Amino acid sequence: QLKTEIKTFFIFALGIQLAGWGLVHFRMDYGFFWLLWLMS
């Protein structure tokens, strides 16, 4: 839907989604304390 900043949107949108997914799975796979470490 963009005529400019096509790569910019693609890269950042993909990165944001992967990072959000990673945080949830890190909490599920490794537990509360290691997510606490990451956020701390």
ModelCIF file with pLDDT and N, C-alpha, C, O atoms, coordinates in Angstrom:
data_MODEL
#
_entry.id   MODEL 
#
_entity.id                         1 
_entity.type                       polymer 
_entity.pdbx_number_of_molecules   1 
#
_entity_poly.entity_id                      1 
_entity_poly.type                           'polypeptide(L)' 
_entity_poly.nstd_linkage                   no 
_entity_poly.nstd_monomer                   no 
_entity_poly.pdbx_seq_one_letter_code       QLKTEIKTFFIFALGIQLAGWGLVHFRMDYGFFWLLWLMS 
_entity_poly.pdbx_seq_one_letter_code_can   QLKTEIKTFFIFALGIQLAGWGLVHFRMDYGFFWLLWLMS 
_entity_poly.pdbx_strand_id                 A 
#
loop_
_entity_poly_seq.entity_id 
_entity_poly_seq.num 
_entity_poly_seq.mon_id 
_entity_poly_seq.hetero 
1 1  GLN n 
1 2  LEU n 
1 3  LYS n 
1 4  THR n 
1 5  GLU n 
1 6  ILE n 
1 7  LYS n 
1 8  THR n 
1 9  PHE n 
1 10 PHE n 
1 11 ILE n 
1 12 PHE n 
1 13 ALA n 
1 14 LEU n 
1 15 GLY n 
1 16 ILE n 
1 17 GLN n 
1 18 LEU n 
1 19 ALA n 
1 20 GLY n 
1 21 TRP n 
1 22 GLY n 
1 23 LEU n 
1 24 VAL n 
1 25 HIS n 
1 26 PHE n 
1 27 ARG n 
1 28 MET n 
1 29 ASP n 
1 30 TYR n 
1 31 GLY n 
1 32 PHE n 
1 33 PHE n 
1 34 TRP n 
1 35 LEU n 
1 36 LEU n 
1 37 TRP n 
1 38 LEU n 
1 39 MET n 
1 40 SER n 
#
_struct_asym.id          A 
_struct_asym.entity_id   1 
#
loop_
_ma_qa_metric.id 
_ma_qa_metric.mode 
_ma_qa_metric.name 
_ma_qa_metric.software_group_id 
_ma_qa_metric.type 
1 global pLDDT . pLDDT 
2 local  pLDDT . pLDDT 
#
_ma_qa_metric_global.metric_id      1 
_ma_qa_metric_global.metric_value   92.58 
_ma_qa_metric_global.model_id       1 
_ma_qa_metric_global.ordinal_id     1 
#
loop_
_ma_qa_metric_local.label_asym_id 
_ma_qa_metric_local.label_comp_id 
_ma_qa_metric_local.label_seq_id 
_ma_qa_metric_local.metric_id 
_ma_qa_metric_local.metric_value 
_ma_qa_metric_local.model_id 
_ma_qa_metric_local.ordinal_id 
A GLN 1  2 95.00 1 1  
A LEU 2  2 95.00 1 2  
A LYS 3  2 92.00 1 3  
A THR 4  2 93.00 1 4  
A GLU 5  2 95.00 1 5  
A ILE 6  2 96.00 1 6  
A LYS 7  2 96.00 1 7  
A THR 8  2 96.00 1 8  
A PHE 9  2 97.00 1 9  
A PHE 10 2 97.00 1 10 
A ILE 11 2 97.00 1 11 
A PHE 12 2 97.00 1 12 
A ALA 13 2 97.00 1 13 
A LEU 14 2 96.00 1 14 
A GLY 15 2 96.00 1 15 
A ILE 16 2 97.00 1 16 
A GLN 17 2 95.00 1 17 
A LEU 18 2 94.00 1 18 
A ALA 19 2 95.00 1 19 
A GLY 20 2 94.00 1 20 
A TRP 21 2 93.00 1 21 
A GLY 22 2 91.00 1 22 
A LEU 23 2 93.00 1 23 
A VAL 24 2 93.00 1 24 
A HIS 25 2 88.00 1 25 
A PHE 26 2 88.00 1 26 
A ARG 27 2 90.00 1 27 
A MET 28 2 88.00 1 28 
A ASP 29 2 83.00 1 29 
A TYR 30 2 84.00 1 30 
A GLY 31 2 86.00 1 31 
A PHE 32 2 89.00 1 32 
A PHE 33 2 87.00 1 33 
A TRP 34 2 88.00 1 34 
A LEU 35 2 91.00 1 35 
A LEU 36 2 91.00 1 36 
A TRP 37 2 92.00 1 37 
A LEU 38 2 93.00 1 38 
A MET 39 2 92.00 1 39 
A SER 40 2 93.00 1 40 
#
loop_
_atom_site.group_PDB 
_atom_site.id 
_atom_site.type_symbol 
_atom_site.label_atom_id 
_atom_site.label_alt_id 
_atom_site.label_comp_id 
_atom_site.label_asym_id 
_atom_site.label_entity_id 
_atom_site.label_seq_id 
_atom_site.pdbx_PDB_ins_code 
_atom_site.Cartn_x 
_atom_site.Cartn_y 
_atom_site.Cartn_z 
_atom_site.occupancy 
_atom_site.B_iso_or_equiv 
_atom_site.pdbx_formal_charge 
_atom_site.auth_seq_id 
_atom_site.auth_comp_id 
_atom_site.auth_asym_id 
_atom_site.auth_atom_id 
_atom_site.pdbx_PDB_model_num 
ATOM 1   N N  . GLN A 1 1  ? 0.813  -1.214  0.000  1.00 95.00 ? 1  GLN A N  1 
ATOM 2   C CA . GLN A 1 1  ? 0.000  0.000   0.000  1.00 95.00 ? 1  GLN A CA 1 
ATOM 3   C C  . GLN A 1 1  ? 0.849  1.269   0.000  1.00 95.00 ? 1  GLN A C  1 
ATOM 4   O O  . GLN A 1 1  ? 0.321  2.380   0.017  1.00 95.00 ? 1  GLN A O  1 
ATOM 5   N N  . LEU A 1 2  ? 2.156  1.093   -0.020 1.00 95.00 ? 2  LEU A N  1 
ATOM 6   C CA . LEU A 1 2  ? 3.062  2.232   0.042  1.00 95.00 ? 2  LEU A CA 1 
ATOM 7   C C  . LEU A 1 2  ? 3.764  2.457   -1.284 1.00 95.00 ? 2  LEU A C  1 
ATOM 8   O O  . LEU A 1 2  ? 4.011  1.519   -2.041 1.00 95.00 ? 2  LEU A O  1 
ATOM 9   N N  . LYS A 1 3  ? 4.078  3.710   -1.552 1.00 92.00 ? 3  LYS A N  1 
ATOM 10  C CA . LYS A 1 3  ? 4.874  4.055   -2.723 1.00 92.00 ? 3  LYS A CA 1 
ATOM 11  C C  . LYS A 1 3  ? 6.305  4.391   -2.324 1.00 92.00 ? 3  LYS A C  1 
ATOM 12  O O  . LYS A 1 3  ? 7.225  4.314   -3.138 1.00 92.00 ? 3  LYS A O  1 
ATOM 13  N N  . THR A 1 4  ? 6.476  4.764   -1.064 1.00 93.00 ? 4  THR A N  1 
ATOM 14  C CA . THR A 1 4  ? 7.809  5.024   -0.514 1.00 93.00 ? 4  THR A CA 1 
ATOM 15  C C  . THR A 1 4  ? 7.957  4.276   0.801  1.00 93.00 ? 4  THR A C  1 
ATOM 16  O O  . THR A 1 4  ? 6.969  3.826   1.381  1.00 93.00 ? 4  THR A O  1 
ATOM 17  N N  . GLU A 1 5  ? 9.182  4.146   1.267  1.00 95.00 ? 5  GLU A N  1 
ATOM 18  C CA . GLU A 1 5  ? 9.495  3.482   2.540  1.00 95.00 ? 5  GLU A CA 1 
ATOM 19  C C  . GLU A 1 5  ? 8.943  2.056   2.591  1.00 95.00 ? 5  GLU A C  1 
ATOM 20  O O  . GLU A 1 5  ? 8.529  1.581   3.649  1.00 95.00 ? 5  GLU A O  1 
ATOM 21  N N  . ILE A 1 6  ? 8.940  1.386   1.453  1.00 96.00 ? 6  ILE A N  1 
ATOM 22  C CA . ILE A 1 6  ? 8.412  0.024   1.384  1.00 96.00 ? 6  ILE A CA 1 
ATOM 23  C C  . ILE A 1 6  ? 9.266  -0.934  2.213  1.00 96.00 ? 6  ILE A C  1 
ATOM 24  O O  . ILE A 1 6  ? 8.742  -1.699  3.023  1.00 96.00 ? 6  ILE A O  1 
ATOM 25  N N  . LYS A 1 7  ? 10.583 -0.888  2.007  1.00 96.00 ? 7  LYS A N  1 
ATOM 26  C CA . LYS A 1 7  ? 11.473 -1.763  2.768  1.00 96.00 ? 7  LYS A CA 1 
ATOM 27  C C  . LYS A 1 7  ? 11.451 -1.413  4.251  1.00 96.00 ? 7  LYS A C  1 
ATOM 28  O O  . LYS A 1 7  ? 11.523 -2.296  5.106  1.00 96.00 ? 7  LYS A O  1 
ATOM 29  N N  . THR A 1 8  ? 11.349 -0.123  4.551  1.00 96.00 ? 8  THR A N  1 
ATOM 30  C CA . THR A 1 8  ? 11.318 0.316   5.942  1.00 96.00 ? 8  THR A CA 1 
ATOM 31  C C  . THR A 1 8  ? 10.145 -0.306  6.676  1.00 96.00 ? 8  THR A C  1 
ATOM 32  O O  . THR A 1 8  ? 10.309 -0.870  7.758  1.00 96.00 ? 8  THR A O  1 
ATOM 33  N N  . PHE A 1 9  ? 8.960  -0.203  6.086  1.00 97.00 ? 9  PHE A N  1 
ATOM 34  C CA . PHE A 1 9  ? 7.786  -0.782  6.735  1.00 97.00 ? 9  PHE A CA 1 
ATOM 35  C C  . PHE A 1 9  ? 7.915  -2.290  6.848  1.00 97.00 ? 9  PHE A C  1 
ATOM 36  O O  . PHE A 1 9  ? 7.632  -2.859  7.902  1.00 97.00 ? 9  PHE A O  1 
ATOM 37  N N  . PHE A 1 10 ? 8.336  -2.939  5.784  1.00 97.00 ? 10 PHE A N  1 
ATOM 38  C CA . PHE A 1 10 ? 8.434  -4.401  5.790  1.00 97.00 ? 10 PHE A CA 1 
ATOM 39  C C  . PHE A 1 10 ? 9.350  -4.887  6.909  1.00 97.00 ? 10 PHE A C  1 
ATOM 40  O O  . PHE A 1 10 ? 8.979  -5.770  7.681  1.00 97.00 ? 10 PHE A O  1 
ATOM 41  N N  . ILE A 1 11 ? 10.544 -4.310  6.993  1.00 97.00 ? 11 ILE A N  1 
ATOM 42  C CA . ILE A 1 11 ? 11.535 -4.771  7.972  1.00 97.00 ? 11 ILE A CA 1 
ATOM 43  C C  . ILE A 1 11 ? 11.069 -4.504  9.400  1.00 97.00 ? 11 ILE A C  1 
ATOM 44  O O  . ILE A 1 11 ? 11.139 -5.391  10.250 1.00 97.00 ? 11 ILE A O  1 
ATOM 45  N N  . PHE A 1 12 ? 10.600 -3.301  9.664  1.00 97.00 ? 12 PHE A N  1 
ATOM 46  C CA . PHE A 1 12 ? 10.193 -2.964  11.025 1.00 97.00 ? 12 PHE A CA 1 
ATOM 47  C C  . PHE A 1 12 ? 8.933  -3.713  11.445 1.00 97.00 ? 12 PHE A C  1 
ATOM 48  O O  . PHE A 1 12 ? 8.843  -4.165  12.586 1.00 97.00 ? 12 PHE A O  1 
ATOM 49  N N  . ALA A 1 13 ? 7.960  -3.852  10.547 1.00 97.00 ? 13 ALA A N  1 
ATOM 50  C CA . ALA A 1 13 ? 6.732  -4.571  10.890 1.00 97.00 ? 13 ALA A CA 1 
ATOM 51  C C  . ALA A 1 13 ? 7.028  -6.034  11.205 1.00 97.00 ? 13 ALA A C  1 
ATOM 52  O O  . ALA A 1 13 ? 6.481  -6.593  12.155 1.00 97.00 ? 13 ALA A O  1 
ATOM 53  N N  . LEU A 1 14 ? 7.893  -6.648  10.409 1.00 96.00 ? 14 LEU A N  1 
ATOM 54  C CA . LEU A 1 14 ? 8.269  -8.040  10.651 1.00 96.00 ? 14 LEU A CA 1 
ATOM 55  C C  . LEU A 1 14 ? 9.035  -8.167  11.969 1.00 96.00 ? 14 LEU A C  1 
ATOM 56  O O  . LEU A 1 14 ? 8.779  -9.079  12.755 1.00 96.00 ? 14 LEU A O  1 
ATOM 57  N N  . GLY A 1 15 ? 9.971  -7.251  12.206 1.00 96.00 ? 15 GLY A N  1 
ATOM 58  C CA . GLY A 1 15 ? 10.755 -7.294  13.444 1.00 96.00 ? 15 GLY A CA 1 
ATOM 59  C C  . GLY A 1 15 ? 9.897  -7.122  14.682 1.00 96.00 ? 15 GLY A C  1 
ATOM 60  O O  . GLY A 1 15 ? 10.103 -7.815  15.678 1.00 96.00 ? 15 GLY A O  1 
ATOM 61  N N  . ILE A 1 16 ? 8.939  -6.210  14.635 1.00 97.00 ? 16 ILE A N  1 
ATOM 62  C CA . ILE A 1 16 ? 8.053  -5.976  15.775 1.00 97.00 ? 16 ILE A CA 1 
ATOM 63  C C  . ILE A 1 16 ? 7.256  -7.235  16.102 1.00 97.00 ? 16 ILE A C  1 
ATOM 64  O O  . ILE A 1 16 ? 7.143  -7.617  17.266 1.00 97.00 ? 16 ILE A O  1 
ATOM 65  N N  . GLN A 1 17 ? 6.705  -7.879  15.075 1.00 95.00 ? 17 GLN A N  1 
ATOM 66  C CA . GLN A 1 17 ? 5.918  -9.090  15.307 1.00 95.00 ? 17 GLN A CA 1 
ATOM 67  C C  . GLN A 1 17 ? 6.770  -10.224 15.876 1.00 95.00 ? 17 GLN A C  1 
ATOM 68  O O  . GLN A 1 17 ? 6.360  -10.897 16.822 1.00 95.00 ? 17 GLN A O  1 
ATOM 69  N N  . LEU A 1 18 ? 7.948  -10.435 15.303 1.00 94.00 ? 18 LEU A N  1 
ATOM 70  C CA . LEU A 1 18 ? 8.826  -11.501 15.784 1.00 94.00 ? 18 LEU A CA 1 
ATOM 71  C C  . LEU A 1 18 ? 9.259  -11.257 17.219 1.00 94.00 ? 18 LEU A C  1 
ATOM 72  O O  . LEU A 1 18 ? 9.342  -12.192 18.015 1.00 94.00 ? 18 LEU A O  1 
ATOM 73  N N  . ALA A 1 19 ? 9.537  -10.001 17.550 1.00 95.00 ? 19 ALA A N  1 
ATOM 74  C CA . ALA A 1 19 ? 9.951  -9.676  18.914 1.00 95.00 ? 19 ALA A CA 1 
ATOM 75  C C  . ALA A 1 19 ? 8.819  -9.931  19.905 1.00 95.00 ? 19 ALA A C  1 
ATOM 76  O O  . ALA A 1 19 ? 9.047  -10.482 20.982 1.00 95.00 ? 19 ALA A O  1 
ATOM 77  N N  . GLY A 1 20 ? 7.587  -9.528  19.538 1.00 94.00 ? 20 GLY A N  1 
ATOM 78  C CA . GLY A 1 20 ? 6.448  -9.786  20.410 1.00 94.00 ? 20 GLY A CA 1 
ATOM 79  C C  . GLY A 1 20 ? 6.210  -11.268 20.608 1.00 94.00 ? 20 GLY A C  1 
ATOM 80  O O  . GLY A 1 20 ? 5.945  -11.718 21.723 1.00 94.00 ? 20 GLY A O  1 
ATOM 81  N N  . TRP A 1 21 ? 6.304  -12.031 19.525 1.00 93.00 ? 21 TRP A N  1 
ATOM 82  C CA . TRP A 1 21 ? 6.172  -13.485 19.592 1.00 93.00 ? 21 TRP A CA 1 
ATOM 83  C C  . TRP A 1 21 ? 7.266  -14.083 20.479 1.00 93.00 ? 21 TRP A C  1 
ATOM 84  O O  . TRP A 1 21 ? 7.009  -14.976 21.286 1.00 93.00 ? 21 TRP A O  1 
ATOM 85  N N  . GLY A 1 22 ? 8.487  -13.574 20.314 1.00 91.00 ? 22 GLY A N  1 
ATOM 86  C CA . GLY A 1 22 ? 9.608  -14.090 21.090 1.00 91.00 ? 22 GLY A CA 1 
ATOM 87  C C  . GLY A 1 22 ? 9.428  -13.877 22.580 1.00 91.00 ? 22 GLY A C  1 
ATOM 88  O O  . GLY A 1 22 ? 9.752  -14.763 23.370 1.00 91.00 ? 22 GLY A O  1 
ATOM 89  N N  . LEU A 1 23 ? 8.915  -12.716 22.984 1.00 93.00 ? 23 LEU A N  1 
ATOM 90  C CA . LEU A 1 23 ? 8.706  -12.449 24.401 1.00 93.00 ? 23 LEU A CA 1 
ATOM 91  C C  . LEU A 1 23 ? 7.716  -13.423 25.018 1.00 93.00 ? 23 LEU A C  1 
ATOM 92  O O  . LEU A 1 23 ? 7.937  -13.927 26.119 1.00 93.00 ? 23 LEU A O  1 
ATOM 93  N N  . VAL A 1 24 ? 6.625  -13.687 24.309 1.00 93.00 ? 24 VAL A N  1 
ATOM 94  C CA . VAL A 1 24 ? 5.612  -14.616 24.831 1.00 93.00 ? 24 VAL A CA 1 
ATOM 95  C C  . VAL A 1 24 ? 6.192  -16.022 24.956 1.00 93.00 ? 24 VAL A C  1 
ATOM 96  O O  . VAL A 1 24 ? 5.998  -16.682 25.977 1.00 93.00 ? 24 VAL A O  1 
ATOM 97  N N  . HIS A 1 25 ? 6.897  -16.480 23.937 1.00 88.00 ? 25 HIS A N  1 
ATOM 98  C CA . HIS A 1 25 ? 7.451  -17.830 23.993 1.00 88.00 ? 25 HIS A CA 1 
ATOM 99  C C  . HIS A 1 25 ? 8.586  -17.934 24.998 1.00 88.00 ? 25 HIS A C  1 
ATOM 100 O O  . HIS A 1 25 ? 8.793  -18.995 25.586 1.00 88.00 ? 25 HIS A O  1 
ATOM 101 N N  . PHE A 1 26 ? 9.310  -16.872 25.200 1.00 88.00 ? 26 PHE A N  1 
ATOM 102 C CA . PHE A 1 26 ? 10.349 -16.890 26.230 1.00 88.00 ? 26 PHE A CA 1 
ATOM 103 C C  . PHE A 1 26 ? 9.707  -17.061 27.605 1.00 88.00 ? 26 PHE A C  1 
ATOM 104 O O  . PHE A 1 26 ? 10.229 -17.782 28.456 1.00 88.00 ? 26 PHE A O  1 
ATOM 105 N N  . ARG A 1 27 ? 8.574  -16.395 27.818 1.00 90.00 ? 27 ARG A N  1 
ATOM 106 C CA . ARG A 1 27 ? 7.841  -16.550 29.082 1.00 90.00 ? 27 ARG A CA 1 
ATOM 107 C C  . ARG A 1 27 ? 7.315  -17.968 29.232 1.00 90.00 ? 27 ARG A C  1 
ATOM 108 O O  . ARG A 1 27 ? 7.388  -18.535 30.322 1.00 90.00 ? 27 ARG A O  1 
ATOM 109 N N  . MET A 1 28 ? 6.785  -18.555 28.163 1.00 88.00 ? 28 MET A N  1 
ATOM 110 C CA . MET A 1 28 ? 6.231  -19.906 28.227 1.00 88.00 ? 28 MET A CA 1 
ATOM 111 C C  . MET A 1 28 ? 7.317  -20.958 28.387 1.00 88.00 ? 28 MET A C  1 
ATOM 112 O O  . MET A 1 28 ? 7.161  -21.900 29.163 1.00 88.00 ? 28 MET A O  1 
ATOM 113 N N  . ASP A 1 29 ? 8.416  -20.803 27.660 1.00 83.00 ? 29 ASP A N  1 
ATOM 114 C CA . ASP A 1 29 ? 9.448  -21.845 27.619 1.00 83.00 ? 29 ASP A CA 1 
ATOM 115 C C  . ASP A 1 29 ? 10.403 -21.801 28.804 1.00 83.00 ? 29 ASP A C  1 
ATOM 116 O O  . ASP A 1 29 ? 10.857 -22.846 29.270 1.00 83.00 ? 29 ASP A O  1 
ATOM 117 N N  . TYR A 1 30 ? 10.716 -20.599 29.298 1.00 84.00 ? 30 TYR A N  1 
ATOM 118 C CA . TYR A 1 30 ? 11.745 -20.474 30.323 1.00 84.00 ? 30 TYR A CA 1 
ATOM 119 C C  . TYR A 1 30 ? 11.233 -19.938 31.658 1.00 84.00 ? 30 TYR A C  1 
ATOM 120 O O  . TYR A 1 30 ? 11.962 -19.942 32.650 1.00 84.00 ? 30 TYR A O  1 
ATOM 121 N N  . GLY A 1 31 ? 9.994  -19.482 31.687 1.00 86.00 ? 31 GLY A N  1 
ATOM 122 C CA . GLY A 1 31 ? 9.388  -19.118 32.960 1.00 86.00 ? 31 GLY A CA 1 
ATOM 123 C C  . GLY A 1 31 ? 9.511  -17.653 33.341 1.00 86.00 ? 31 GLY A C  1 
ATOM 124 O O  . GLY A 1 31 ? 10.136 -16.848 32.650 1.00 86.00 ? 31 GLY A O  1 
ATOM 125 N N  . PHE A 1 32 ? 8.898  -17.348 34.454 1.00 89.00 ? 32 PHE A N  1 
ATOM 126 C CA . PHE A 1 32 ? 8.775  -15.973 34.936 1.00 89.00 ? 32 PHE A CA 1 
ATOM 127 C C  . PHE A 1 32 ? 10.128 -15.317 35.204 1.00 89.00 ? 32 PHE A C  1 
ATOM 128 O O  . PHE A 1 32 ? 10.357 -14.177 34.801 1.00 89.00 ? 32 PHE A O  1 
ATOM 129 N N  . PHE A 1 33 ? 11.028 -16.039 35.885 1.00 87.00 ? 33 PHE A N  1 
ATOM 130 C CA . PHE A 1 33 ? 12.265 -15.399 36.340 1.00 87.00 ? 33 PHE A CA 1 
ATOM 131 C C  . PHE A 1 33 ? 13.160 -14.971 35.194 1.00 87.00 ? 33 PHE A C  1 
ATOM 132 O O  . PHE A 1 33 ? 13.836 -13.948 35.292 1.00 87.00 ? 33 PHE A O  1 
ATOM 133 N N  . TRP A 1 34 ? 13.179 -15.752 34.078 1.00 88.00 ? 34 TRP A N  1 
ATOM 134 C CA . TRP A 1 34 ? 14.062 -15.361 32.989 1.00 88.00 ? 34 TRP A CA 1 
ATOM 135 C C  . TRP A 1 34 ? 13.484 -14.235 32.157 1.00 88.00 ? 34 TRP A C  1 
ATOM 136 O O  . TRP A 1 34 ? 14.228 -13.445 31.576 1.00 88.00 ? 34 TRP A O  1 
ATOM 137 N N  . LEU A 1 35 ? 12.147 -14.152 32.092 1.00 91.00 ? 35 LEU A N  1 
ATOM 138 C CA . LEU A 1 35 ? 11.563 -12.978 31.452 1.00 91.00 ? 35 LEU A CA 1 
ATOM 139 C C  . LEU A 1 35 ? 11.782 -11.750 32.326 1.00 91.00 ? 35 LEU A C  1 
ATOM 140 O O  . LEU A 1 35 ? 12.002 -10.648 31.823 1.00 91.00 ? 35 LEU A O  1 
ATOM 141 N N  . LEU A 1 36 ? 11.720 -11.952 33.648 1.00 91.00 ? 36 LEU A N  1 
ATOM 142 C CA . LEU A 1 36 ? 12.022 -10.865 34.575 1.00 91.00 ? 36 LEU A CA 1 
ATOM 143 C C  . LEU A 1 36 ? 13.447 -10.378 34.389 1.00 91.00 ? 36 LEU A C  1 
ATOM 144 O O  . LEU A 1 36 ? 13.706 -9.175  34.428 1.00 91.00 ? 36 LEU A O  1 
ATOM 145 N N  . TRP A 1 37 ? 14.380 -11.311 34.185 1.00 92.00 ? 37 TRP A N  1 
ATOM 146 C CA . TRP A 1 37 ? 15.776 -10.931 33.921 1.00 92.00 ? 37 TRP A CA 1 
ATOM 147 C C  . TRP A 1 37 ? 15.869 -10.074 32.663 1.00 92.00 ? 37 TRP A C  1 
ATOM 148 O O  . TRP A 1 37 ? 16.499 -9.017  32.670 1.00 92.00 ? 37 TRP A O  1 
ATOM 149 N N  . LEU A 1 38 ? 15.242 -10.534 31.587 1.00 93.00 ? 38 LEU A N  1 
ATOM 150 C CA . LEU A 1 38 ? 15.276 -9.801  30.327 1.00 93.00 ? 38 LEU A CA 1 
ATOM 151 C C  . LEU A 1 38 ? 14.740 -8.381  30.500 1.00 93.00 ? 38 LEU A C  1 
ATOM 152 O O  . LEU A 1 38 ? 15.378 -7.415  30.079 1.00 93.00 ? 38 LEU A O  1 
ATOM 153 N N  . MET A 1 39 ? 13.582 -8.261  31.114 1.00 92.00 ? 39 MET A N  1 
ATOM 154 C CA . MET A 1 39 ? 12.968 -6.953  31.278 1.00 92.00 ? 39 MET A CA 1 
ATOM 155 C C  . MET A 1 39 ? 13.773 -6.084  32.241 1.00 92.00 ? 39 MET A C  1 
ATOM 156 O O  . MET A 1 39 ? 13.865 -4.870  32.058 1.00 92.00 ? 39 MET A O  1 
ATOM 157 N N  . SER A 1 40 ? 14.356 -6.704  33.267 1.00 93.00 ? 40 SER A N  1 
ATOM 158 C CA . SER A 1 40 ? 15.164 -5.953  34.227 1.00 93.00 ? 40 SER A CA 1 
ATOM 159 C C  . SER A 1 40 ? 16.396 -5.358  33.567 1.00 93.00 ? 40 SER A C  1 
ATOM 160 O O  . SER A 1 40 ? 17.191 -4.692  34.230 1.00 93.00 ? 40 SER A O  1 
#
